[in-house]
Amino acid sequence: MSNLGGLDMYYLVTLTDIAFVPPDQIGDDPKKIAEQYLRTKYLGKFVSGAGLIVDIVGIEDVSLGKVFISSPAVYFKARFRALSFLPKVQEIIEGEIDKIVTHGAIVKVGPVDGFIHISQLGDDVFIQRGGVLQGRKTKITYRPGDKIRARVTAVSKPDPTAPKRGEPIIRIALSCRQPGLGKIEEEKEKRKEKKEEDKGG
């Protein structure tokens, strides 16, 4: 498994599986058939040790097919590369607030949602008003569409049955309670103000 440079939490993984060629497709390109089968089987699924599979990059190799008396299909072993998403605790991520909820904010983090509890938005007391979270002292606001930088504090165990209930297969908890984290525009403004203060001093 290799990390993609500059893309935290995304990895290229090599996997193997048994694919099959239906009787009506015998004679077709086995790599194309394998890719179709593997996409159906793996996309959106969580593979232990690899992460959430978000794409099949390519088929590296297929073995000679085998035929079993009990089945008219041809079976073969396929080795393939996949793009996976595997968040880890303590990683710094950037995402976009999708919606404000009662106790915090839902943040789009790659192919899944992260959650920031209202107590983890910063060193302030945040109050929800009209679908916006605002700090009582700092007046910093968080609203849908805002880009934020946060730290991953927890990753749930994958629940394969969650998608059937319309829920994410994994859940991520986030925090902005550290210097350099929070609303990205606010951090840029703070750095700009500090530079101006340094020049003035």
N, C-alpha and C. Protein backbone atom coordinates (compact mmCIF):
# COMPACT_ATOMS: atom_id res chain seq x y z
N MET A 1 0.85 -1.19 0.00
CA MET A 1 0.00 0.00 0.00
C MET A 1 0.89 1.24 0.00
N SER A 2 0.69 2.13 -0.96
CA SER A 2 1.52 3.33 -1.05
C SER A 2 0.64 4.57 -1.02
N ASN A 3 1.08 5.57 -0.23
CA ASN A 3 0.35 6.83 -0.12
C ASN A 3 0.58 7.68 -1.35
N LEU A 4 -0.48 8.37 -1.81
CA LEU A 4 -0.35 9.26 -2.95
C LEU A 4 0.20 10.59 -2.46
N GLY A 5 1.32 11.02 -3.00
CA GLY A 5 1.97 12.25 -2.55
C GLY A 5 1.03 13.43 -2.59
N GLY A 6 0.93 14.15 -1.46
CA GLY A 6 0.09 15.33 -1.39
C GLY A 6 -1.38 15.05 -1.14
N LEU A 7 -1.76 13.78 -1.13
CA LEU A 7 -3.17 13.42 -0.91
C LEU A 7 -3.25 12.52 0.32
N ASP A 8 -3.27 13.12 1.50
CA ASP A 8 -3.37 12.35 2.73
C ASP A 8 -4.64 11.52 2.71
N MET A 9 -4.54 10.33 3.28
CA MET A 9 -5.65 9.40 3.44
C MET A 9 -6.00 8.62 2.17
N TYR A 10 -5.38 8.96 1.04
CA TYR A 10 -5.60 8.20 -0.19
C TYR A 10 -4.39 7.31 -0.47
N TYR A 11 -4.66 6.06 -0.82
CA TYR A 11 -3.58 5.09 -1.04
C TYR A 11 -3.85 4.26 -2.29
N LEU A 12 -2.76 3.81 -2.91
CA LEU A 12 -2.85 2.83 -3.98
C LEU A 12 -2.56 1.46 -3.36
N VAL A 13 -3.49 0.54 -3.50
CA VAL A 13 -3.33 -0.78 -2.90
C VAL A 13 -3.42 -1.85 -3.99
N THR A 14 -2.70 -2.94 -3.79
CA THR A 14 -2.76 -4.07 -4.71
C THR A 14 -3.51 -5.20 -4.02
N LEU A 15 -4.54 -5.70 -4.69
CA LEU A 15 -5.39 -6.75 -4.13
C LEU A 15 -5.53 -7.90 -5.12
N THR A 16 -5.92 -9.05 -4.63
CA THR A 16 -6.21 -10.19 -5.50
C THR A 16 -7.58 -10.75 -5.14
N ASP A 17 -8.25 -11.30 -6.14
CA ASP A 17 -9.56 -11.90 -5.90
C ASP A 17 -9.86 -12.87 -7.03
N ILE A 18 -10.87 -13.69 -6.81
CA ILE A 18 -11.33 -14.62 -7.84
C ILE A 18 -12.48 -13.98 -8.60
N ALA A 19 -12.30 -13.80 -9.89
CA ALA A 19 -13.35 -13.25 -10.74
C ALA A 19 -13.85 -14.35 -11.66
N PHE A 20 -14.97 -14.11 -12.31
CA PHE A 20 -15.49 -15.14 -13.20
C PHE A 20 -16.01 -14.53 -14.49
N VAL A 21 -15.98 -15.35 -15.55
CA VAL A 21 -16.49 -14.95 -16.86
C VAL A 21 -17.79 -15.71 -17.10
N PRO A 22 -18.91 -14.99 -17.24
CA PRO A 22 -20.17 -15.67 -17.53
C PRO A 22 -20.08 -16.41 -18.86
N PRO A 23 -20.86 -17.46 -19.04
CA PRO A 23 -20.80 -18.25 -20.28
C PRO A 23 -20.94 -17.42 -21.56
N ASP A 24 -21.80 -16.40 -21.53
CA ASP A 24 -22.03 -15.60 -22.74
C ASP A 24 -20.90 -14.62 -23.03
N GLN A 25 -19.89 -14.53 -22.12
CA GLN A 25 -18.77 -13.62 -22.35
C GLN A 25 -17.44 -14.35 -22.52
N ILE A 26 -17.48 -15.66 -22.56
CA ILE A 26 -16.26 -16.43 -22.79
C ILE A 26 -15.70 -16.08 -24.16
N GLY A 27 -14.43 -15.74 -24.21
CA GLY A 27 -13.81 -15.30 -25.46
C GLY A 27 -13.56 -13.80 -25.48
N ASP A 28 -14.24 -13.05 -24.60
CA ASP A 28 -14.00 -11.61 -24.49
C ASP A 28 -12.73 -11.35 -23.68
N ASP A 29 -12.27 -10.10 -23.67
CA ASP A 29 -11.06 -9.73 -22.94
C ASP A 29 -11.28 -9.98 -21.44
N PRO A 30 -10.54 -10.92 -20.83
CA PRO A 30 -10.76 -11.24 -19.41
C PRO A 30 -10.45 -10.07 -18.47
N LYS A 31 -9.51 -9.20 -18.86
CA LYS A 31 -9.19 -8.06 -17.99
C LYS A 31 -10.36 -7.08 -17.91
N LYS A 32 -11.02 -6.85 -19.04
CA LYS A 32 -12.17 -5.94 -19.03
C LYS A 32 -13.32 -6.53 -18.23
N ILE A 33 -13.52 -7.84 -18.39
CA ILE A 33 -14.59 -8.50 -17.65
C ILE A 33 -14.29 -8.47 -16.15
N ALA A 34 -13.01 -8.72 -15.81
CA ALA A 34 -12.60 -8.70 -14.40
C ALA A 34 -12.81 -7.32 -13.80
N GLU A 35 -12.47 -6.27 -14.55
CA GLU A 35 -12.63 -4.91 -14.03
C GLU A 35 -14.10 -4.60 -13.75
N GLN A 36 -14.99 -5.01 -14.65
CA GLN A 36 -16.42 -4.78 -14.44
C GLN A 36 -16.90 -5.50 -13.17
N TYR A 37 -16.47 -6.74 -13.03
CA TYR A 37 -16.87 -7.54 -11.87
C TYR A 37 -16.34 -6.94 -10.57
N LEU A 38 -15.05 -6.54 -10.58
CA LEU A 38 -14.42 -6.02 -9.38
C LEU A 38 -14.99 -4.65 -8.99
N ARG A 39 -15.35 -3.84 -9.97
CA ARG A 39 -15.98 -2.55 -9.67
C ARG A 39 -17.30 -2.76 -8.94
N THR A 40 -18.07 -3.70 -9.44
CA THR A 40 -19.37 -3.99 -8.81
C THR A 40 -19.18 -4.50 -7.39
N LYS A 41 -18.16 -5.32 -7.20
CA LYS A 41 -17.95 -5.95 -5.89
C LYS A 41 -17.30 -5.02 -4.87
N TYR A 42 -16.36 -4.16 -5.31
CA TYR A 42 -15.52 -3.43 -4.36
C TYR A 42 -15.85 -1.95 -4.16
N LEU A 43 -16.34 -1.25 -5.18
CA LEU A 43 -16.53 0.19 -5.03
C LEU A 43 -17.50 0.50 -3.89
N GLY A 44 -17.05 1.39 -3.00
CA GLY A 44 -17.87 1.76 -1.85
C GLY A 44 -17.80 0.79 -0.69
N LYS A 45 -16.98 -0.26 -0.84
CA LYS A 45 -16.84 -1.26 0.23
C LYS A 45 -15.55 -1.00 1.02
N PHE A 46 -15.54 -1.41 2.28
CA PHE A 46 -14.36 -1.26 3.13
C PHE A 46 -13.62 -2.58 3.18
N VAL A 47 -12.32 -2.55 2.84
CA VAL A 47 -11.48 -3.74 2.86
C VAL A 47 -10.50 -3.62 4.02
N SER A 48 -10.50 -4.59 4.89
CA SER A 48 -9.62 -4.56 6.06
C SER A 48 -8.16 -4.39 5.65
N GLY A 49 -7.48 -3.44 6.26
CA GLY A 49 -6.07 -3.19 5.97
C GLY A 49 -5.84 -2.31 4.76
N ALA A 50 -6.88 -2.08 3.96
CA ALA A 50 -6.74 -1.26 2.75
C ALA A 50 -7.54 0.03 2.84
N GLY A 51 -8.75 -0.05 3.39
CA GLY A 51 -9.59 1.13 3.51
C GLY A 51 -10.82 1.05 2.63
N LEU A 52 -11.46 2.20 2.45
CA LEU A 52 -12.66 2.31 1.63
C LEU A 52 -12.24 2.40 0.17
N ILE A 53 -12.69 1.47 -0.65
CA ILE A 53 -12.30 1.45 -2.07
C ILE A 53 -13.13 2.46 -2.84
N VAL A 54 -12.45 3.42 -3.48
CA VAL A 54 -13.15 4.47 -4.21
C VAL A 54 -12.98 4.35 -5.73
N ASP A 55 -12.00 3.54 -6.18
CA ASP A 55 -11.84 3.35 -7.62
C ASP A 55 -10.96 2.12 -7.89
N ILE A 56 -11.20 1.48 -9.03
CA ILE A 56 -10.34 0.40 -9.52
C ILE A 56 -9.44 1.03 -10.57
N VAL A 57 -8.14 1.08 -10.29
CA VAL A 57 -7.20 1.78 -11.17
C VAL A 57 -6.85 0.95 -12.40
N GLY A 58 -6.68 -0.36 -12.21
CA GLY A 58 -6.33 -1.20 -13.34
C GLY A 58 -6.11 -2.64 -12.94
N ILE A 59 -6.22 -3.53 -13.91
CA ILE A 59 -5.99 -4.96 -13.69
C ILE A 59 -4.55 -5.26 -14.09
N GLU A 60 -3.76 -5.76 -13.15
CA GLU A 60 -2.35 -6.04 -13.42
C GLU A 60 -2.14 -7.40 -14.07
N ASP A 61 -2.93 -8.39 -13.64
CA ASP A 61 -2.70 -9.73 -14.17
C ASP A 61 -3.92 -10.61 -13.92
N VAL A 62 -4.17 -11.53 -14.83
CA VAL A 62 -5.20 -12.54 -14.62
C VAL A 62 -4.58 -13.90 -14.93
N SER A 63 -4.91 -14.89 -14.11
CA SER A 63 -4.36 -16.23 -14.30
C SER A 63 -5.20 -16.98 -15.33
N LEU A 64 -4.73 -18.17 -15.70
CA LEU A 64 -5.50 -19.01 -16.62
C LEU A 64 -6.82 -19.39 -15.96
N GLY A 65 -7.89 -19.35 -16.73
CA GLY A 65 -9.19 -19.65 -16.17
C GLY A 65 -9.38 -21.12 -15.83
N LYS A 66 -10.26 -21.36 -14.85
CA LYS A 66 -10.59 -22.73 -14.46
C LYS A 66 -12.09 -22.95 -14.61
N VAL A 67 -12.45 -24.15 -15.02
CA VAL A 67 -13.86 -24.50 -15.19
C VAL A 67 -14.21 -25.58 -14.17
N PHE A 68 -15.37 -25.40 -13.53
CA PHE A 68 -15.84 -26.38 -12.56
C PHE A 68 -17.12 -27.04 -13.09
N ILE A 69 -17.25 -28.31 -12.83
CA ILE A 69 -18.41 -29.07 -13.33
C ILE A 69 -19.72 -28.46 -12.83
N SER A 70 -19.68 -27.91 -11.63
CA SER A 70 -20.91 -27.37 -11.03
C SER A 70 -21.31 -26.00 -11.58
N SER A 71 -20.45 -25.37 -12.40
CA SER A 71 -20.76 -24.03 -12.91
C SER A 71 -20.34 -23.89 -14.37
N PRO A 72 -21.17 -23.22 -15.19
CA PRO A 72 -20.82 -23.01 -16.60
C PRO A 72 -19.84 -21.85 -16.80
N ALA A 73 -19.58 -21.07 -15.74
CA ALA A 73 -18.69 -19.92 -15.86
C ALA A 73 -17.23 -20.35 -15.79
N VAL A 74 -16.33 -19.46 -16.20
CA VAL A 74 -14.89 -19.68 -16.10
C VAL A 74 -14.35 -18.78 -15.00
N TYR A 75 -13.60 -19.36 -14.06
CA TYR A 75 -13.07 -18.62 -12.92
C TYR A 75 -11.57 -18.41 -13.07
N PHE A 76 -11.09 -17.23 -12.66
CA PHE A 76 -9.65 -16.97 -12.71
C PHE A 76 -9.27 -16.00 -11.60
N LYS A 77 -7.98 -16.03 -11.23
CA LYS A 77 -7.49 -15.12 -10.19
C LYS A 77 -7.04 -13.82 -10.86
N ALA A 78 -7.47 -12.70 -10.29
CA ALA A 78 -7.10 -11.39 -10.83
C ALA A 78 -6.33 -10.59 -9.78
N ARG A 79 -5.22 -10.00 -10.19
CA ARG A 79 -4.49 -9.07 -9.33
C ARG A 79 -4.74 -7.66 -9.87
N PHE A 80 -5.18 -6.76 -8.98
CA PHE A 80 -5.56 -5.43 -9.45
C PHE A 80 -5.14 -4.36 -8.47
N ARG A 81 -5.07 -3.12 -8.98
CA ARG A 81 -4.73 -1.97 -8.15
C ARG A 81 -5.98 -1.13 -7.93
N ALA A 82 -6.12 -0.65 -6.71
CA ALA A 82 -7.30 0.13 -6.36
C ALA A 82 -6.89 1.39 -5.60
N LEU A 83 -7.72 2.41 -5.71
CA LEU A 83 -7.52 3.64 -4.94
C LEU A 83 -8.39 3.53 -3.70
N SER A 84 -7.75 3.66 -2.53
CA SER A 84 -8.50 3.52 -1.28
C SER A 84 -8.40 4.79 -0.44
N PHE A 85 -9.36 4.93 0.45
CA PHE A 85 -9.42 6.06 1.37
C PHE A 85 -9.35 5.50 2.78
N LEU A 86 -8.29 5.88 3.52
CA LEU A 86 -8.09 5.32 4.86
C LEU A 86 -7.65 6.42 5.83
N PRO A 87 -8.61 7.09 6.48
CA PRO A 87 -8.26 8.15 7.44
C PRO A 87 -7.63 7.55 8.69
N LYS A 88 -6.68 8.30 9.28
CA LYS A 88 -6.01 7.83 10.49
C LYS A 88 -6.05 8.91 11.56
N VAL A 89 -6.15 8.47 12.80
CA VAL A 89 -6.20 9.39 13.93
C VAL A 89 -4.93 10.25 13.95
N GLN A 90 -5.09 11.54 14.23
CA GLN A 90 -4.05 12.56 14.30
C GLN A 90 -3.71 13.19 12.94
N GLU A 91 -4.24 12.66 11.86
CA GLU A 91 -3.99 13.29 10.56
C GLU A 91 -4.70 14.63 10.47
N ILE A 92 -4.10 15.56 9.73
CA ILE A 92 -4.72 16.86 9.48
C ILE A 92 -5.43 16.79 8.13
N ILE A 93 -6.69 17.21 8.11
CA ILE A 93 -7.45 17.15 6.87
C ILE A 93 -8.01 18.53 6.54
N GLU A 94 -8.38 18.70 5.29
CA GLU A 94 -9.12 19.89 4.88
C GLU A 94 -10.43 19.42 4.26
N GLY A 95 -11.50 20.06 4.62
CA GLY A 95 -12.81 19.67 4.11
C GLY A 95 -13.73 20.86 4.03
N GLU A 96 -14.96 20.59 3.62
CA GLU A 96 -15.96 21.65 3.47
C GLU A 96 -17.17 21.32 4.32
N ILE A 97 -17.65 22.31 5.06
CA ILE A 97 -18.84 22.10 5.89
C ILE A 97 -20.04 21.85 4.98
N ASP A 98 -20.70 20.72 5.21
CA ASP A 98 -21.87 20.35 4.41
C ASP A 98 -23.15 20.91 5.03
N LYS A 99 -23.25 20.77 6.36
CA LYS A 99 -24.43 21.32 7.03
C LYS A 99 -24.16 21.50 8.52
N ILE A 100 -24.92 22.41 9.11
CA ILE A 100 -24.86 22.67 10.54
C ILE A 100 -25.96 21.87 11.21
N VAL A 101 -25.61 21.15 12.27
CA VAL A 101 -26.60 20.35 12.99
C VAL A 101 -26.65 20.83 14.45
N THR A 102 -27.51 20.22 15.24
CA THR A 102 -27.76 20.68 16.61
C THR A 102 -26.49 20.81 17.44
N HIS A 103 -25.62 19.82 17.37
CA HIS A 103 -24.45 19.81 18.25
C HIS A 103 -23.12 20.04 17.53
N GLY A 104 -23.14 20.56 16.31
CA GLY A 104 -21.88 20.80 15.62
C GLY A 104 -22.06 20.95 14.11
N ALA A 105 -21.11 20.39 13.36
CA ALA A 105 -21.13 20.53 11.91
C ALA A 105 -20.71 19.23 11.24
N ILE A 106 -21.35 18.94 10.10
CA ILE A 106 -20.98 17.80 9.26
C ILE A 106 -20.04 18.33 8.18
N VAL A 107 -18.89 17.67 8.03
CA VAL A 107 -17.86 18.13 7.09
C VAL A 107 -17.59 17.05 6.05
N LYS A 108 -17.57 17.44 4.78
CA LYS A 108 -17.22 16.52 3.71
C LYS A 108 -15.71 16.28 3.73
N VAL A 109 -15.32 15.03 3.95
CA VAL A 109 -13.91 14.65 3.99
C VAL A 109 -13.72 13.53 2.96
N GLY A 110 -13.27 13.89 1.76
CA GLY A 110 -13.15 12.88 0.71
C GLY A 110 -14.51 12.26 0.44
N PRO A 111 -14.58 10.92 0.40
CA PRO A 111 -15.85 10.25 0.09
C PRO A 111 -16.75 10.02 1.30
N VAL A 112 -16.35 10.50 2.49
CA VAL A 112 -17.17 10.28 3.69
C VAL A 112 -17.41 11.61 4.42
N ASP A 113 -18.24 11.54 5.45
CA ASP A 113 -18.54 12.72 6.26
C ASP A 113 -17.78 12.66 7.58
N GLY A 114 -17.31 13.82 8.02
CA GLY A 114 -16.72 13.94 9.34
C GLY A 114 -17.63 14.78 10.21
N PHE A 115 -17.48 14.67 11.52
CA PHE A 115 -18.32 15.44 12.44
C PHE A 115 -17.45 16.21 13.41
N ILE A 116 -17.74 17.51 13.55
CA ILE A 116 -17.07 18.33 14.56
C ILE A 116 -18.10 18.73 15.60
N HIS A 117 -17.89 18.29 16.83
CA HIS A 117 -18.79 18.69 17.91
C HIS A 117 -18.60 20.18 18.18
N ILE A 118 -19.65 20.82 18.61
CA ILE A 118 -19.63 22.27 18.83
C ILE A 118 -18.52 22.68 19.81
N SER A 119 -18.15 21.77 20.72
CA SER A 119 -17.10 22.08 21.70
C SER A 119 -15.71 21.99 21.09
N GLN A 120 -15.59 21.45 19.87
CA GLN A 120 -14.30 21.25 19.22
C GLN A 120 -14.04 22.24 18.09
N LEU A 121 -14.89 23.27 17.98
CA LEU A 121 -14.73 24.24 16.89
C LEU A 121 -13.63 25.26 17.16
N GLY A 122 -13.25 25.43 18.40
CA GLY A 122 -12.21 26.40 18.72
C GLY A 122 -12.23 26.76 20.19
N ASP A 123 -11.33 27.66 20.58
CA ASP A 123 -11.23 28.09 21.97
C ASP A 123 -12.25 29.19 22.24
N ASP A 124 -13.51 28.81 22.20
CA ASP A 124 -14.60 29.77 22.36
C ASP A 124 -15.88 28.98 22.62
N VAL A 125 -16.94 29.68 22.98
CA VAL A 125 -18.25 29.06 23.12
C VAL A 125 -19.04 29.40 21.86
N PHE A 126 -19.43 28.38 21.10
CA PHE A 126 -20.14 28.61 19.85
C PHE A 126 -21.63 28.40 20.04
N ILE A 127 -22.39 29.31 19.44
CA ILE A 127 -23.85 29.28 19.54
C ILE A 127 -24.43 29.19 18.13
N GLN A 128 -25.46 28.36 17.98
CA GLN A 128 -26.10 28.22 16.68
C GLN A 128 -27.23 29.23 16.53
N ARG A 129 -27.15 29.97 15.44
CA ARG A 129 -28.20 30.95 15.15
C ARG A 129 -28.50 30.92 13.66
N GLY A 130 -29.72 30.55 13.33
CA GLY A 130 -30.13 30.56 11.93
C GLY A 130 -29.28 29.69 11.03
N GLY A 131 -28.89 28.52 11.52
CA GLY A 131 -28.08 27.62 10.70
C GLY A 131 -26.62 28.01 10.61
N VAL A 132 -26.18 28.93 11.48
CA VAL A 132 -24.78 29.37 11.52
C VAL A 132 -24.25 29.21 12.94
N LEU A 133 -23.02 28.73 13.06
CA LEU A 133 -22.37 28.63 14.37
C LEU A 133 -21.45 29.84 14.55
N GLN A 134 -21.62 30.56 15.65
CA GLN A 134 -20.82 31.77 15.87
C GLN A 134 -20.19 31.75 17.25
N GLY A 135 -18.89 32.12 17.30
CA GLY A 135 -18.19 32.19 18.57
C GLY A 135 -18.64 33.40 19.37
N ARG A 136 -18.88 33.21 20.66
CA ARG A 136 -19.38 34.29 21.50
C ARG A 136 -18.36 35.42 21.64
N LYS A 137 -17.07 35.07 21.82
CA LYS A 137 -16.02 36.08 21.99
C LYS A 137 -15.38 36.48 20.66
N THR A 138 -15.00 35.49 19.88
CA THR A 138 -14.25 35.77 18.65
C THR A 138 -15.12 36.22 17.49
N LYS A 139 -16.42 35.89 17.54
CA LYS A 139 -17.37 36.20 16.46
C LYS A 139 -17.07 35.41 15.18
N ILE A 140 -16.17 34.43 15.28
CA ILE A 140 -15.90 33.57 14.12
C ILE A 140 -17.15 32.77 13.81
N THR A 141 -17.49 32.68 12.54
CA THR A 141 -18.69 31.94 12.13
C THR A 141 -18.33 30.73 11.29
N TYR A 142 -19.15 29.70 11.42
CA TYR A 142 -19.05 28.51 10.58
C TYR A 142 -20.41 28.29 9.93
N ARG A 143 -20.39 28.14 8.61
CA ARG A 143 -21.63 27.93 7.88
C ARG A 143 -21.38 26.97 6.72
N PRO A 144 -22.43 26.38 6.14
CA PRO A 144 -22.24 25.46 5.00
C PRO A 144 -21.45 26.13 3.88
N GLY A 145 -20.49 25.39 3.33
CA GLY A 145 -19.65 25.92 2.26
C GLY A 145 -18.30 26.40 2.73
N ASP A 146 -18.15 26.63 4.06
CA ASP A 146 -16.86 27.09 4.59
C ASP A 146 -15.82 25.97 4.50
N LYS A 147 -14.60 26.33 4.11
CA LYS A 147 -13.49 25.37 4.09
C LYS A 147 -12.81 25.40 5.45
N ILE A 148 -12.53 24.21 5.98
CA ILE A 148 -11.88 24.15 7.29
C ILE A 148 -10.69 23.20 7.27
N ARG A 149 -9.82 23.40 8.23
CA ARG A 149 -8.69 22.48 8.46
C ARG A 149 -8.87 21.91 9.86
N ALA A 150 -8.81 20.59 9.98
CA ALA A 150 -9.07 19.96 11.28
C ALA A 150 -8.20 18.72 11.47
N ARG A 151 -8.16 18.25 12.70
CA ARG A 151 -7.41 17.04 13.03
C ARG A 151 -8.40 15.89 13.26
N VAL A 152 -8.04 14.72 12.74
CA VAL A 152 -8.87 13.52 12.97
C VAL A 152 -8.62 13.03 14.39
N THR A 153 -9.67 12.93 15.18
CA THR A 153 -9.52 12.48 16.57
C THR A 153 -10.02 11.06 16.79
N ALA A 154 -10.86 10.57 15.89
CA ALA A 154 -11.37 9.20 16.03
C ALA A 154 -11.93 8.73 14.70
N VAL A 155 -11.78 7.43 14.45
CA VAL A 155 -12.34 6.80 13.25
C VAL A 155 -13.10 5.56 13.72
N SER A 156 -14.36 5.46 13.36
CA SER A 156 -15.17 4.33 13.81
C SER A 156 -14.79 3.05 13.07
N LYS A 157 -15.16 1.92 13.64
CA LYS A 157 -14.99 0.66 12.94
C LYS A 157 -15.97 0.63 11.77
N PRO A 158 -15.56 0.09 10.62
CA PRO A 158 -16.46 0.06 9.47
C PRO A 158 -17.69 -0.80 9.74
N ASP A 159 -18.84 -0.31 9.29
CA ASP A 159 -20.10 -1.04 9.44
C ASP A 159 -20.62 -1.36 8.04
N PRO A 160 -20.41 -2.58 7.55
CA PRO A 160 -20.81 -2.95 6.18
C PRO A 160 -22.31 -2.81 5.93
N THR A 161 -23.12 -2.84 6.98
CA THR A 161 -24.58 -2.75 6.79
C THR A 161 -25.07 -1.30 6.76
N ALA A 162 -24.20 -0.35 7.09
CA ALA A 162 -24.61 1.06 7.18
C ALA A 162 -25.19 1.62 5.88
N PRO A 163 -24.55 1.37 4.70
CA PRO A 163 -25.09 1.93 3.46
C PRO A 163 -26.54 1.52 3.19
N LYS A 164 -26.92 0.33 3.63
CA LYS A 164 -28.31 -0.12 3.42
C LYS A 164 -29.28 0.74 4.21
N ARG A 165 -28.79 1.34 5.29
CA ARG A 165 -29.63 2.22 6.11
C ARG A 165 -29.46 3.68 5.73
N GLY A 166 -28.68 3.92 4.65
CA GLY A 166 -28.43 5.28 4.22
C GLY A 166 -27.43 6.01 5.09
N GLU A 167 -26.58 5.25 5.81
CA GLU A 167 -25.59 5.84 6.70
C GLU A 167 -24.18 5.57 6.17
N PRO A 168 -23.18 6.39 6.58
CA PRO A 168 -21.80 6.17 6.11
C PRO A 168 -21.20 4.89 6.66
N ILE A 169 -20.35 4.24 5.87
CA ILE A 169 -19.75 2.98 6.29
C ILE A 169 -18.74 3.19 7.41
N ILE A 170 -18.12 4.38 7.46
CA ILE A 170 -17.25 4.75 8.58
C ILE A 170 -17.58 6.18 8.99
N ARG A 171 -17.29 6.50 10.25
CA ARG A 171 -17.52 7.85 10.77
C ARG A 171 -16.20 8.42 11.28
N ILE A 172 -16.02 9.73 11.08
CA ILE A 172 -14.79 10.40 11.49
C ILE A 172 -15.13 11.55 12.43
N ALA A 173 -14.44 11.60 13.57
CA ALA A 173 -14.59 12.72 14.49
C ALA A 173 -13.43 13.68 14.28
N LEU A 174 -13.72 14.98 14.30
CA LEU A 174 -12.72 16.01 14.00
C LEU A 174 -12.64 17.04 15.12
N SER A 175 -11.51 17.75 15.15
CA SER A 175 -11.34 18.83 16.13
C SER A 175 -10.55 19.98 15.50
N CYS A 176 -10.94 21.20 15.88
CA CYS A 176 -10.21 22.40 15.42
C CYS A 176 -9.57 23.14 16.59
N ARG A 177 -9.47 22.48 17.74
CA ARG A 177 -8.97 23.15 18.95
C ARG A 177 -7.44 23.11 19.05
N GLN A 178 -6.78 23.60 18.02
CA GLN A 178 -5.32 23.72 18.03
C GLN A 178 -4.93 24.87 17.12
N PRO A 179 -3.79 25.51 17.39
CA PRO A 179 -3.33 26.60 16.51
C PRO A 179 -3.17 26.10 15.08
N GLY A 180 -3.59 26.91 14.13
CA GLY A 180 -3.46 26.55 12.72
C GLY A 180 -4.65 25.79 12.17
N LEU A 181 -5.58 25.40 13.06
CA LEU A 181 -6.76 24.67 12.62
C LEU A 181 -7.98 25.59 12.68
N GLY A 182 -9.03 25.19 11.99
CA GLY A 182 -10.25 25.98 11.99
C GLY A 182 -10.61 26.43 10.59
N LYS A 183 -11.37 27.50 10.52
CA LYS A 183 -11.80 28.05 9.25
C LYS A 183 -10.58 28.57 8.49
N ILE A 184 -10.38 28.08 7.28
CA ILE A 184 -9.16 28.38 6.54
C ILE A 184 -9.03 29.87 6.26
N GLU A 185 -10.10 30.55 5.92
CA GLU A 185 -10.03 32.00 5.66
C GLU A 185 -9.61 32.77 6.90
N GLU A 186 -10.11 32.33 8.07
CA GLU A 186 -9.75 33.00 9.33
C GLU A 186 -8.26 32.85 9.62
N GLU A 187 -7.72 31.65 9.34
CA GLU A 187 -6.30 31.41 9.59
C GLU A 187 -5.44 32.26 8.67
N LYS A 188 -5.86 32.42 7.42
CA LYS A 188 -5.12 33.26 6.47
C LYS A 188 -5.12 34.70 6.95
N GLU A 189 -6.27 35.15 7.46
CA GLU A 189 -6.39 36.53 7.94
C GLU A 189 -5.50 36.75 9.16
N LYS A 190 -5.44 35.74 10.06
CA LYS A 190 -4.59 35.86 11.25
C LYS A 190 -3.12 35.97 10.86
N ARG A 191 -2.70 35.15 9.87
CA ARG A 191 -1.29 35.20 9.44
C ARG A 191 -0.97 36.55 8.80
N LYS A 192 -1.94 37.10 8.06
CA LYS A 192 -1.75 38.40 7.42
C LYS A 192 -1.60 39.49 8.47
N GLU A 193 -2.46 39.45 9.50
CA GLU A 193 -2.41 40.45 10.56
C GLU A 193 -1.09 40.36 11.33
N LYS A 194 -0.61 39.13 11.55
CA LYS A 194 0.64 38.95 12.29
C LYS A 194 1.81 39.52 11.50
N LYS A 195 1.81 39.31 10.17
CA LYS A 195 2.88 39.86 9.34
C LYS A 195 2.90 41.38 9.41
N GLU A 196 1.69 41.98 9.38
CA GLU A 196 1.60 43.44 9.44
C GLU A 196 2.08 43.95 10.79
N GLU A 197 1.76 43.20 11.87
CA GLU A 197 2.23 43.59 13.20
C GLU A 197 3.75 43.51 13.30
N ASP A 198 4.31 42.44 12.71
CA ASP A 198 5.77 42.27 12.72
C ASP A 198 6.46 43.40 11.97
N LYS A 199 5.86 43.81 10.85
CA LYS A 199 6.45 44.90 10.08
C LYS A 199 6.39 46.21 10.87
N GLY A 200 5.24 46.40 11.53
CA GLY A 200 5.06 47.63 12.30
C GLY A 200 5.98 47.71 13.50
N GLY A 201 6.31 46.48 14.06
CA GLY A 201 7.19 46.46 15.23
C GLY A 201 8.63 46.67 14.86
